[in-house]
Amino acid sequence: RRQKKTASHSVTELENTKGCSQAGKPLLCPSHPTEELQLFCEQCDQPVCRDCVLGRHRQHPCDFTGNVIHRHGDALRGLLKSTQQHMDTLEDVLGQVDDMGSAVRNRAETVAAEICLFARGYVKAIEEHRDRLLKQLENLKVQKENLLHLQKAQLQQLLLDMRTGVEFTEHLLMNGSDVEILITKGVVSSRLTKLNSIPYGTHPSVDDRIQFSPQERAGQCCGYEVFGAILNKVVDPARCTLHGEDLQSARQNQLTGFTLLCNDTTGECMGRGGEAVQVTITHRDKRDCAVKPTVCDNGDGTYCVSYSPEEPGLYAVCVCVRGQHVQGSPFTLVVKHKFREHQGVFHCCTFCSSGGQKAARCACGGTMPGGYQGCGHGHKGHPGCHHWSCCGQVKESSECLGGPPSDTSQRSFLRTVAL
């Protein structure tokens, strides 16, 4: 009654309509009060009368309600069956949530007993440390229980909504007439479809990962160094990062790699190893070509990944922790050809390195007057500094960029190198 469109409508409780069902009574067309709704317009998805078919529904595909009720009823039954399956799953998940709540409480009680046993041998300082650990454990337990209660409330509400929709749909299909079913089909289908599309977790939102480590240093308490801490860090693959100088490029048959840093849900380093790290490196063009990496656990939350690709090309690198991709994964790795060593000489000019040979050539492209094929000091085209005679590169530690020389230039080039 709070809606404008239905403010003037007559509203009756469903319980009050059990004895006065309108099944069997003909429903009349709102546009033509004297005509009964016996036809169904497929295009407009609504029941119509004969006058409607002759009027604004003239070009629309229409059929008798008895001929189409089976098809539309089957569609509703399909949605109903799907919703019932979701209800079964929700009930199972709720059972798991309850069991996990008990497991969290039981685990918390077990850890509390361990903490008390560990703290008995200490005096006032250790007792204060014990009380502090118990408070931290209680807060952790409450936090996990609150998350479980929240998930449980959300699942219960979703289950209640689905149960209400299922009960209404079942009542409609069992007690409603053909026209009633067709009239409410759109609303019911929309409601059930919306309920089926609501995402929900099929596992408890938290786990019972609560551990007590008596070997962990806990700092100072009343001037005494105390031990014992609650470990609740859980690795978060979305916060794990990859590090390396040249992460996305490598050389053929050259050992290279990168480092994986595992962090918890707060972004802090785990500080310990033991995580399930999986790394796959596969060639994008050659299905049978893959690189087998080596993963080394450093025991401090970092993992060294090393590999040596045998084929050049593009590779897809996937780095997963506990079955989930880390930040930046997957990424593309470009494997270049094997490093080309310089075959020439790193010199200042061809004239000097060849002993004045006119036929000696240089890859820098410089020439000298008087018929000399190579470069000389101060001549145009000379790089102006020491360079490689095979490709003209000015960095001594660079990769050779020159192609295979011709026979004539090869002989002059070799003579230059020899000299």
Protein backbone atom coordinates (compact mmCIF):
# COMPACT_ATOMS: atom_id res chain seq x y z
CA ARG A 1 0.00 0.00 0.00
CA ARG A 2 3.04 2.27 0.18
CA GLN A 3 3.49 2.10 -3.59
CA LYS A 4 1.58 4.52 -5.80
CA LYS A 5 0.65 1.92 -8.37
CA THR A 6 -0.90 -0.45 -5.80
CA ALA A 7 -2.10 2.02 -3.16
CA SER A 8 -5.75 1.61 -4.19
CA HIS A 9 -5.61 -2.16 -4.69
CA SER A 10 -7.33 -4.62 -2.43
CA VAL A 11 -4.77 -6.69 -0.50
CA THR A 12 -5.68 -10.02 1.12
CA GLU A 13 -3.57 -12.45 3.16
CA LEU A 14 -2.78 -15.67 1.32
CA GLU A 15 -4.14 -17.68 4.23
CA ASN A 16 -7.53 -16.04 3.71
CA THR A 17 -7.68 -17.05 0.05
CA LYS A 18 -7.47 -20.82 0.57
CA GLY A 19 -11.22 -21.32 0.60
CA CYS A 20 -12.05 -18.86 -2.12
CA SER A 21 -9.77 -19.86 -4.98
CA GLN A 22 -10.82 -18.44 -8.32
CA ALA A 23 -9.84 -21.62 -10.15
CA GLY A 24 -12.54 -22.33 -12.69
CA LYS A 25 -13.81 -18.78 -12.81
CA PRO A 26 -13.13 -17.06 -16.09
CA LEU A 27 -10.86 -14.05 -15.97
CA LEU A 28 -12.05 -11.16 -18.09
CA CYS A 29 -9.91 -8.86 -20.19
CA PRO A 30 -9.24 -5.49 -18.54
CA SER A 31 -9.48 -3.78 -21.96
CA HIS A 32 -12.63 -5.69 -23.00
CA PRO A 33 -14.62 -6.53 -19.83
CA THR A 34 -17.03 -8.80 -21.66
CA GLU A 35 -14.36 -11.00 -23.19
CA GLU A 36 -12.60 -13.86 -21.43
CA LEU A 37 -8.79 -14.16 -21.47
CA GLN A 38 -8.40 -17.32 -23.54
CA LEU A 39 -5.36 -16.51 -25.68
CA PHE A 40 -1.70 -15.74 -24.93
CA CYS A 41 0.44 -13.24 -26.88
CA GLU A 42 3.98 -14.58 -27.18
CA GLN A 43 5.45 -11.24 -28.23
CA CYS A 44 3.92 -9.25 -25.35
CA ASP A 45 4.14 -12.20 -22.94
CA GLN A 46 0.60 -11.70 -21.57
CA PRO A 47 -2.86 -13.27 -21.81
CA VAL A 48 -5.26 -11.57 -24.25
CA CYS A 49 -8.83 -11.95 -25.47
CA ARG A 50 -10.17 -12.36 -28.99
CA ASP A 51 -10.81 -8.64 -29.37
CA CYS A 52 -7.20 -7.91 -28.37
CA VAL A 53 -5.99 -10.29 -31.08
CA LEU A 54 -8.07 -8.46 -33.63
CA GLY A 55 -6.85 -5.12 -32.32
CA ARG A 56 -3.37 -4.09 -31.17
CA HIS A 57 -2.12 -7.71 -31.13
CA ARG A 58 -3.12 -8.36 -34.74
CA GLN A 59 0.42 -9.03 -36.04
CA HIS A 60 1.63 -10.78 -32.87
CA PRO A 61 1.99 -14.57 -32.56
CA CYS A 62 -0.87 -15.76 -30.30
CA ASP A 63 -2.10 -19.15 -29.17
CA PHE A 64 -4.63 -20.56 -26.73
CA THR A 65 -3.57 -20.61 -23.09
CA GLY A 66 -4.03 -24.38 -22.92
CA ASN A 67 -1.49 -24.84 -25.70
CA VAL A 68 1.28 -22.70 -24.16
CA ILE A 69 0.80 -23.41 -20.46
CA HIS A 70 2.91 -26.57 -20.63
CA ARG A 71 5.93 -24.78 -22.09
CA HIS A 72 5.83 -21.85 -19.68
CA GLY A 73 5.03 -24.13 -16.77
CA ASP A 74 8.07 -26.29 -17.60
CA ALA A 75 10.24 -23.17 -17.60
CA LEU A 76 9.02 -22.30 -14.11
CA ARG A 77 9.57 -25.86 -12.97
CA GLY A 78 13.14 -25.71 -14.28
CA LEU A 79 13.79 -22.55 -12.29
CA LEU A 80 12.13 -24.13 -9.29
CA LYS A 81 14.37 -27.20 -9.51
CA SER A 82 17.49 -25.05 -9.83
CA THR A 83 16.44 -23.02 -6.79
CA GLN A 84 15.84 -26.18 -4.78
CA GLN A 85 19.35 -27.37 -5.61
CA HIS A 86 20.75 -24.08 -4.36
CA MET A 87 18.75 -24.55 -1.18
CA ASP A 88 20.34 -27.95 -0.60
CA THR A 89 23.79 -26.44 -1.14
CA LEU A 90 23.03 -23.58 1.23
CA GLU A 91 21.91 -25.99 3.93
CA ASP A 92 25.15 -27.93 3.55
CA VAL A 93 27.19 -24.73 3.73
CA LEU A 94 25.33 -23.65 6.85
CA GLY A 95 26.17 -27.00 8.41
CA GLN A 96 29.82 -26.47 7.55
CA VAL A 97 29.70 -22.99 9.05
CA ASP A 98 28.30 -24.36 12.28
CA ASP A 99 30.95 -27.09 12.36
CA MET A 100 33.68 -24.56 11.68
CA GLY A 101 32.39 -22.38 14.49
CA SER A 102 32.70 -25.34 16.84
CA ALA A 103 36.15 -26.12 15.47
CA VAL A 104 37.27 -22.52 16.04
CA ARG A 105 36.02 -22.61 19.62
CA ASN A 106 37.55 -26.01 20.28
CA ARG A 107 40.84 -24.96 18.76
CA ALA A 108 40.82 -21.76 20.80
CA GLU A 109 40.26 -23.75 23.98
CA THR A 110 43.12 -26.09 23.07
CA VAL A 111 45.49 -23.20 22.41
CA ALA A 112 44.41 -21.55 25.67
CA ALA A 113 45.33 -24.74 27.54
CA GLU A 114 48.75 -24.83 25.84
CA ILE A 115 49.34 -21.19 26.74
CA CYS A 116 48.43 -21.82 30.39
CA LEU A 117 50.70 -24.88 30.57
CA PHE A 118 53.60 -22.95 29.05
CA ALA A 119 53.17 -19.98 31.41
CA ARG A 120 53.01 -21.94 34.69
CA GLY A 121 56.76 -22.00 35.16
CA TYR A 122 57.16 -18.26 35.14
CA VAL A 123 56.62 -15.65 37.80
CA LYS A 124 54.71 -12.39 37.63
CA ALA A 125 56.23 -11.28 34.34
CA ILE A 126 55.36 -14.53 32.61
CA GLU A 127 51.85 -14.48 34.07
CA GLU A 128 51.28 -11.04 32.59
CA HIS A 129 52.55 -12.30 29.29
CA ARG A 130 50.14 -15.22 29.53
CA ASP A 131 47.19 -12.91 30.20
CA ARG A 132 48.18 -10.81 27.22
CA LEU A 133 48.28 -13.86 24.95
CA LEU A 134 44.89 -15.04 26.20
CA LYS A 135 43.37 -11.66 25.47
CA GLN A 136 44.86 -11.69 21.99
CA LEU A 137 43.50 -15.19 21.45
CA GLU A 138 40.06 -14.14 22.65
CA ASN A 139 40.04 -11.20 20.27
CA LEU A 140 41.09 -13.48 17.44
CA LYS A 141 38.38 -15.99 18.29
CA VAL A 142 35.75 -13.25 18.48
CA GLN A 143 36.92 -11.86 15.16
CA LYS A 144 36.63 -15.23 13.46
CA GLU A 145 33.27 -15.95 15.08
CA ASN A 146 31.96 -12.55 14.02
CA LEU A 147 32.95 -13.27 10.44
CA LEU A 148 31.28 -16.67 10.64
CA HIS A 149 28.14 -15.16 12.20
CA LEU A 150 28.02 -12.57 9.44
CA GLN A 151 28.38 -15.20 6.75
CA LYS A 152 25.78 -17.36 8.48
CA ALA A 153 23.30 -14.48 8.67
CA GLN A 154 23.76 -13.70 4.98
CA LEU A 155 23.33 -17.34 3.99
CA GLN A 156 20.27 -17.72 6.22
CA GLN A 157 18.67 -14.63 4.71
CA LEU A 158 19.36 -15.89 1.20
CA LEU A 159 17.96 -19.31 2.12
CA LEU A 160 14.86 -17.69 3.62
CA ASP A 161 14.30 -15.63 0.47
CA MET A 162 14.71 -18.71 -1.69
CA ARG A 163 12.38 -20.77 0.50
CA THR A 164 9.73 -18.05 0.32
CA GLY A 165 10.05 -17.89 -3.46
CA VAL A 166 9.88 -21.67 -3.77
CA GLU A 167 6.81 -21.94 -1.55
CA PHE A 168 5.02 -19.22 -3.48
CA THR A 169 5.92 -20.80 -6.83
CA GLU A 170 4.80 -24.26 -5.68
CA HIS A 171 1.51 -22.82 -4.42
CA LEU A 172 1.03 -21.01 -7.70
CA LEU A 173 1.70 -24.09 -9.82
CA MET A 174 -0.50 -26.35 -7.68
CA ASN A 175 -3.49 -24.09 -7.03
CA GLY A 176 -3.37 -21.38 -9.69
CA SER A 177 -5.23 -21.48 -12.94
CA ASP A 178 -3.53 -21.34 -16.30
CA VAL A 179 -4.21 -17.65 -16.66
CA GLU A 180 -3.09 -16.92 -13.10
CA ILE A 181 0.17 -18.74 -13.71
CA LEU A 182 0.74 -16.86 -16.94
CA ILE A 183 -0.11 -13.52 -15.34
CA THR A 184 2.38 -13.96 -12.48
CA LYS A 185 4.96 -15.91 -14.49
CA GLY A 186 7.06 -12.87 -15.29
CA VAL A 187 7.31 -11.67 -11.69
CA VAL A 188 8.00 -15.15 -10.32
CA SER A 189 10.60 -15.89 -12.99
CA SER A 190 12.34 -12.58 -12.36
CA ARG A 191 12.40 -13.21 -8.61
CA LEU A 192 13.75 -16.75 -8.87
CA THR A 193 16.30 -15.74 -11.49
CA LYS A 194 17.54 -12.92 -9.29
CA LEU A 195 17.81 -15.24 -6.28
CA ASN A 196 19.72 -17.81 -8.33
CA SER A 197 22.18 -15.18 -9.52
CA ILE A 198 23.12 -13.96 -6.03
CA PRO A 199 26.71 -15.14 -5.35
CA TYR A 200 27.55 -16.90 -2.12
CA GLY A 201 30.56 -18.71 -0.77
CA THR A 202 30.41 -22.49 -0.63
CA HIS A 203 32.96 -22.66 2.19
CA PRO A 204 33.31 -20.95 5.56
CA SER A 205 34.78 -17.46 5.25
CA VAL A 206 37.49 -18.19 7.86
CA ASP A 207 39.46 -21.21 8.96
CA ASP A 208 40.65 -22.53 12.30
CA ARG A 209 44.27 -21.60 11.62
CA ILE A 210 45.27 -20.66 15.17
CA GLN A 211 48.63 -21.90 16.40
CA PHE A 212 50.75 -21.27 19.43
CA SER A 213 54.53 -21.25 19.01
CA PRO A 214 56.48 -21.33 22.29
CA GLN A 215 59.80 -20.76 20.45
CA GLU A 216 58.84 -17.33 19.10
CA ARG A 217 60.46 -14.35 20.85
CA ALA A 218 57.81 -12.09 22.34
CA GLY A 219 60.02 -9.22 23.48
CA GLN A 220 60.27 -7.86 27.03
CA CYS A 221 57.72 -8.18 29.78
CA CYS A 222 58.47 -6.50 33.13
CA GLY A 223 62.15 -6.50 32.23
CA TYR A 224 62.25 -10.20 31.32
CA GLU A 225 62.57 -11.66 27.86
CA VAL A 226 59.57 -13.86 27.19
CA PHE A 227 58.75 -16.42 24.55
CA GLY A 228 55.52 -17.61 23.03
CA ALA A 229 53.28 -16.06 20.39
CA ILE A 230 50.05 -16.80 18.57
CA LEU A 231 50.57 -17.42 14.86
CA ASN A 232 47.64 -16.43 12.72
CA LYS A 233 49.35 -15.22 9.56
CA VAL A 234 47.80 -16.59 6.41
CA VAL A 235 49.46 -16.04 3.07
CA ASP A 236 47.43 -13.88 0.68
CA PRO A 237 48.29 -14.67 -2.97
CA ALA A 238 46.85 -11.30 -4.05
CA ARG A 239 49.49 -9.53 -1.91
CA CYS A 240 52.46 -11.71 -2.90
CA THR A 241 54.87 -9.91 -5.24
CA LEU A 242 57.50 -10.84 -7.81
CA HIS A 243 60.92 -9.19 -7.92
CA GLY A 244 63.77 -9.34 -10.42
CA GLU A 245 66.04 -7.07 -12.41
CA ASP A 246 64.80 -8.34 -15.77
CA LEU A 247 61.63 -10.20 -14.86
CA GLN A 248 60.04 -10.42 -18.31
CA SER A 249 63.04 -11.15 -20.54
CA ALA A 250 65.68 -13.85 -20.71
CA ARG A 251 68.34 -15.32 -23.00
CA GLN A 252 68.36 -18.68 -24.69
CA ASN A 253 70.26 -21.34 -22.68
CA GLN A 254 71.14 -18.78 -20.00
CA LEU A 255 70.25 -19.37 -16.34
CA THR A 256 68.02 -16.61 -15.01
CA GLY A 257 65.17 -16.18 -12.53
CA PHE A 258 63.26 -14.02 -10.09
CA THR A 259 62.21 -13.88 -6.44
CA LEU A 260 58.73 -14.42 -4.98
CA LEU A 261 57.91 -12.52 -1.78
CA CYS A 262 54.99 -14.03 0.16
CA ASN A 263 52.90 -11.64 2.27
CA ASP A 264 49.94 -12.14 4.58
CA THR A 265 46.50 -10.53 4.38
CA THR A 266 47.84 -7.30 5.90
CA GLY A 267 50.67 -7.01 3.38
CA GLU A 268 53.42 -7.98 5.83
CA CYS A 269 56.05 -10.56 4.94
CA MET A 270 55.21 -14.05 6.18
CA GLY A 271 58.69 -14.40 7.65
CA ARG A 272 58.64 -18.19 7.26
CA GLY A 273 58.55 -20.72 4.43
CA GLY A 274 56.60 -23.86 3.74
CA GLU A 275 54.05 -22.46 1.31
CA ALA A 276 52.85 -24.41 -1.72
CA VAL A 277 54.43 -22.46 -4.60
CA GLN A 278 53.76 -23.59 -8.18
CA VAL A 279 55.51 -22.09 -11.23
CA THR A 280 54.78 -23.06 -14.84
CA ILE A 281 56.56 -21.66 -17.92
CA THR A 282 55.08 -22.70 -21.28
CA HIS A 283 55.79 -21.60 -24.84
CA ARG A 284 52.86 -19.77 -26.43
CA ASP A 285 53.46 -21.01 -29.98
CA LYS A 286 54.87 -24.49 -29.28
CA ARG A 287 52.58 -26.58 -27.10
CA ASP A 288 55.21 -29.24 -26.40
CA CYS A 289 57.81 -26.66 -25.40
CA ALA A 290 57.95 -25.90 -21.67
CA VAL A 291 60.60 -24.86 -19.19
CA LYS A 292 60.95 -26.70 -15.90
CA PRO A 293 61.78 -24.13 -13.21
CA THR A 294 63.44 -24.73 -9.86
CA VAL A 295 61.81 -23.25 -6.74
CA CYS A 296 64.04 -22.77 -3.69
CA ASP A 297 62.40 -22.04 -0.32
CA ASN A 298 64.61 -19.62 1.63
CA GLY A 299 62.65 -20.18 4.84
CA ASP A 300 62.03 -16.45 5.40
CA GLY A 301 58.97 -15.91 3.23
CA THR A 302 60.93 -15.58 -0.03
CA TYR A 303 61.31 -18.13 -2.81
CA CYS A 304 63.95 -18.09 -5.56
CA VAL A 305 62.74 -19.31 -8.96
CA SER A 306 65.42 -20.16 -11.54
CA TYR A 307 65.13 -21.52 -15.07
CA SER A 308 67.04 -21.83 -18.35
CA PRO A 309 64.92 -21.66 -21.55
CA GLU A 310 66.16 -23.70 -24.50
CA GLU A 311 63.97 -22.15 -27.22
CA PRO A 312 63.55 -18.44 -28.02
CA GLY A 313 60.09 -16.89 -28.27
CA LEU A 314 57.19 -15.80 -26.05
CA TYR A 315 56.42 -17.77 -22.89
CA ALA A 316 53.51 -17.57 -20.44
CA VAL A 317 54.70 -17.63 -16.82
CA CYS A 318 52.20 -18.53 -14.08
CA VAL A 319 53.15 -18.18 -10.41
CA CYS A 320 50.59 -19.55 -7.95
CA VAL A 321 50.52 -19.84 -4.17
CA ARG A 322 47.96 -22.29 -2.81
CA GLY A 323 46.44 -22.58 -6.26
CA GLN A 324 45.89 -18.82 -6.74
CA HIS A 325 47.82 -16.39 -8.94
CA VAL A 326 50.06 -13.82 -7.24
CA GLN A 327 50.35 -10.18 -8.24
CA GLY A 328 51.49 -9.84 -11.86
CA SER A 329 50.75 -13.48 -12.71
CA PRO A 330 50.46 -14.66 -15.38
CA PHE A 331 52.94 -12.53 -17.32
CA THR A 332 54.70 -12.78 -20.68
CA LEU A 333 58.36 -13.75 -20.82
CA VAL A 334 60.37 -12.82 -23.91
CA VAL A 335 63.26 -15.21 -24.52
CA LYS A 336 65.80 -13.75 -26.93
CA HIS A 337 68.36 -15.65 -28.95
CA LYS A 338 71.65 -16.64 -27.40
CA PHE A 339 73.96 -13.72 -26.68
CA ARG A 340 76.00 -12.96 -29.82
CA GLU A 341 79.66 -12.52 -29.09
CA HIS A 342 81.65 -9.95 -31.04
CA GLN A 343 83.81 -11.49 -33.78
CA GLY A 344 85.73 -8.29 -34.54
CA VAL A 345 88.17 -6.08 -32.68
CA PHE A 346 87.42 -3.23 -30.31
CA HIS A 347 89.55 -0.45 -31.84
CA CYS A 348 89.79 3.28 -32.44
CA CYS A 349 89.93 3.07 -36.30
CA THR A 350 90.47 0.58 -39.09
CA PHE A 351 93.56 2.37 -40.36
CA CYS A 352 95.40 1.80 -37.09
CA SER A 353 94.18 -1.73 -36.35
CA SER A 354 94.92 -3.00 -39.91
CA GLY A 355 98.34 -1.47 -40.21
CA GLY A 356 97.22 0.84 -43.04
CA GLN A 357 95.50 -1.77 -45.23
CA LYS A 358 93.29 -0.07 -47.85
CA ALA A 359 90.88 -3.07 -48.23
CA ALA A 360 90.19 -3.40 -44.50
CA ARG A 361 86.56 -2.50 -43.82
CA CYS A 362 84.75 -1.44 -40.63
CA ALA A 363 81.11 -1.89 -39.68
CA CYS A 364 80.80 1.72 -38.50
CA GLY A 365 80.54 2.77 -42.16
CA GLY A 366 83.39 5.28 -42.12
CA THR A 367 85.85 5.57 -45.03
CA MET A 368 89.07 7.51 -45.64
CA PRO A 369 90.33 9.48 -48.66
CA GLY A 370 92.80 7.86 -50.99
CA GLY A 371 90.85 4.65 -51.60
CA TYR A 372 90.85 3.34 -48.02
CA GLN A 373 87.71 1.24 -47.30
CA GLY A 374 87.87 1.62 -43.50
CA CYS A 375 87.49 4.50 -41.10
CA GLY A 376 90.19 6.77 -39.71
CA HIS A 377 90.63 9.35 -36.98
CA GLY A 378 88.42 12.40 -37.31
CA HIS A 379 86.85 11.27 -40.59
CA LYS A 380 83.12 11.76 -41.17
CA GLY A 381 81.19 8.63 -40.23
CA HIS A 382 83.57 7.59 -37.47
CA PRO A 383 81.77 7.11 -34.10
CA GLY A 384 84.35 9.32 -32.43
CA CYS A 385 85.39 6.71 -29.86
CA HIS A 386 86.47 3.09 -29.62
CA HIS A 387 84.05 0.74 -31.35
CA TRP A 388 83.68 -2.84 -32.59
CA SER A 389 84.85 -3.45 -36.14
CA CYS A 390 82.19 -6.16 -36.69
CA CYS A 391 79.07 -4.08 -35.98
CA GLY A 392 80.09 -0.56 -34.94
CA GLN A 393 78.86 -0.88 -31.33
CA VAL A 394 80.61 1.64 -29.08
CA LYS A 395 80.16 -0.38 -25.82
CA GLU A 396 82.79 -3.03 -25.28
CA SER A 397 80.42 -5.28 -23.28
CA SER A 398 77.53 -4.99 -25.78
CA GLU A 399 75.96 -7.69 -27.97
CA CYS A 400 77.06 -7.98 -31.59
CA LEU A 401 74.47 -6.64 -34.02
CA GLY A 402 76.32 -7.31 -37.28
CA GLY A 403 75.20 -9.87 -39.85
CA PRO A 404 77.34 -12.42 -41.68
CA PRO A 405 79.91 -10.49 -43.82
CA SER A 406 80.65 -11.20 -47.48
CA ASP A 407 83.72 -13.17 -48.62
CA THR A 408 85.79 -10.06 -49.46
CA SER A 409 84.92 -8.23 -46.32
CA GLN A 410 85.44 -11.42 -44.31
CA ARG A 411 89.04 -11.74 -45.53
CA SER A 412 89.76 -8.06 -44.85
CA PHE A 413 87.94 -8.34 -41.52
CA LEU A 414 89.97 -11.36 -40.44
CA ARG A 415 93.16 -9.64 -41.49
CA THR A 416 92.13 -6.64 -39.39
CA VAL A 417 91.49 -8.86 -36.40
CA ALA A 418 94.78 -10.67 -36.84
CA LEU A 419 96.72 -7.44 -37.08
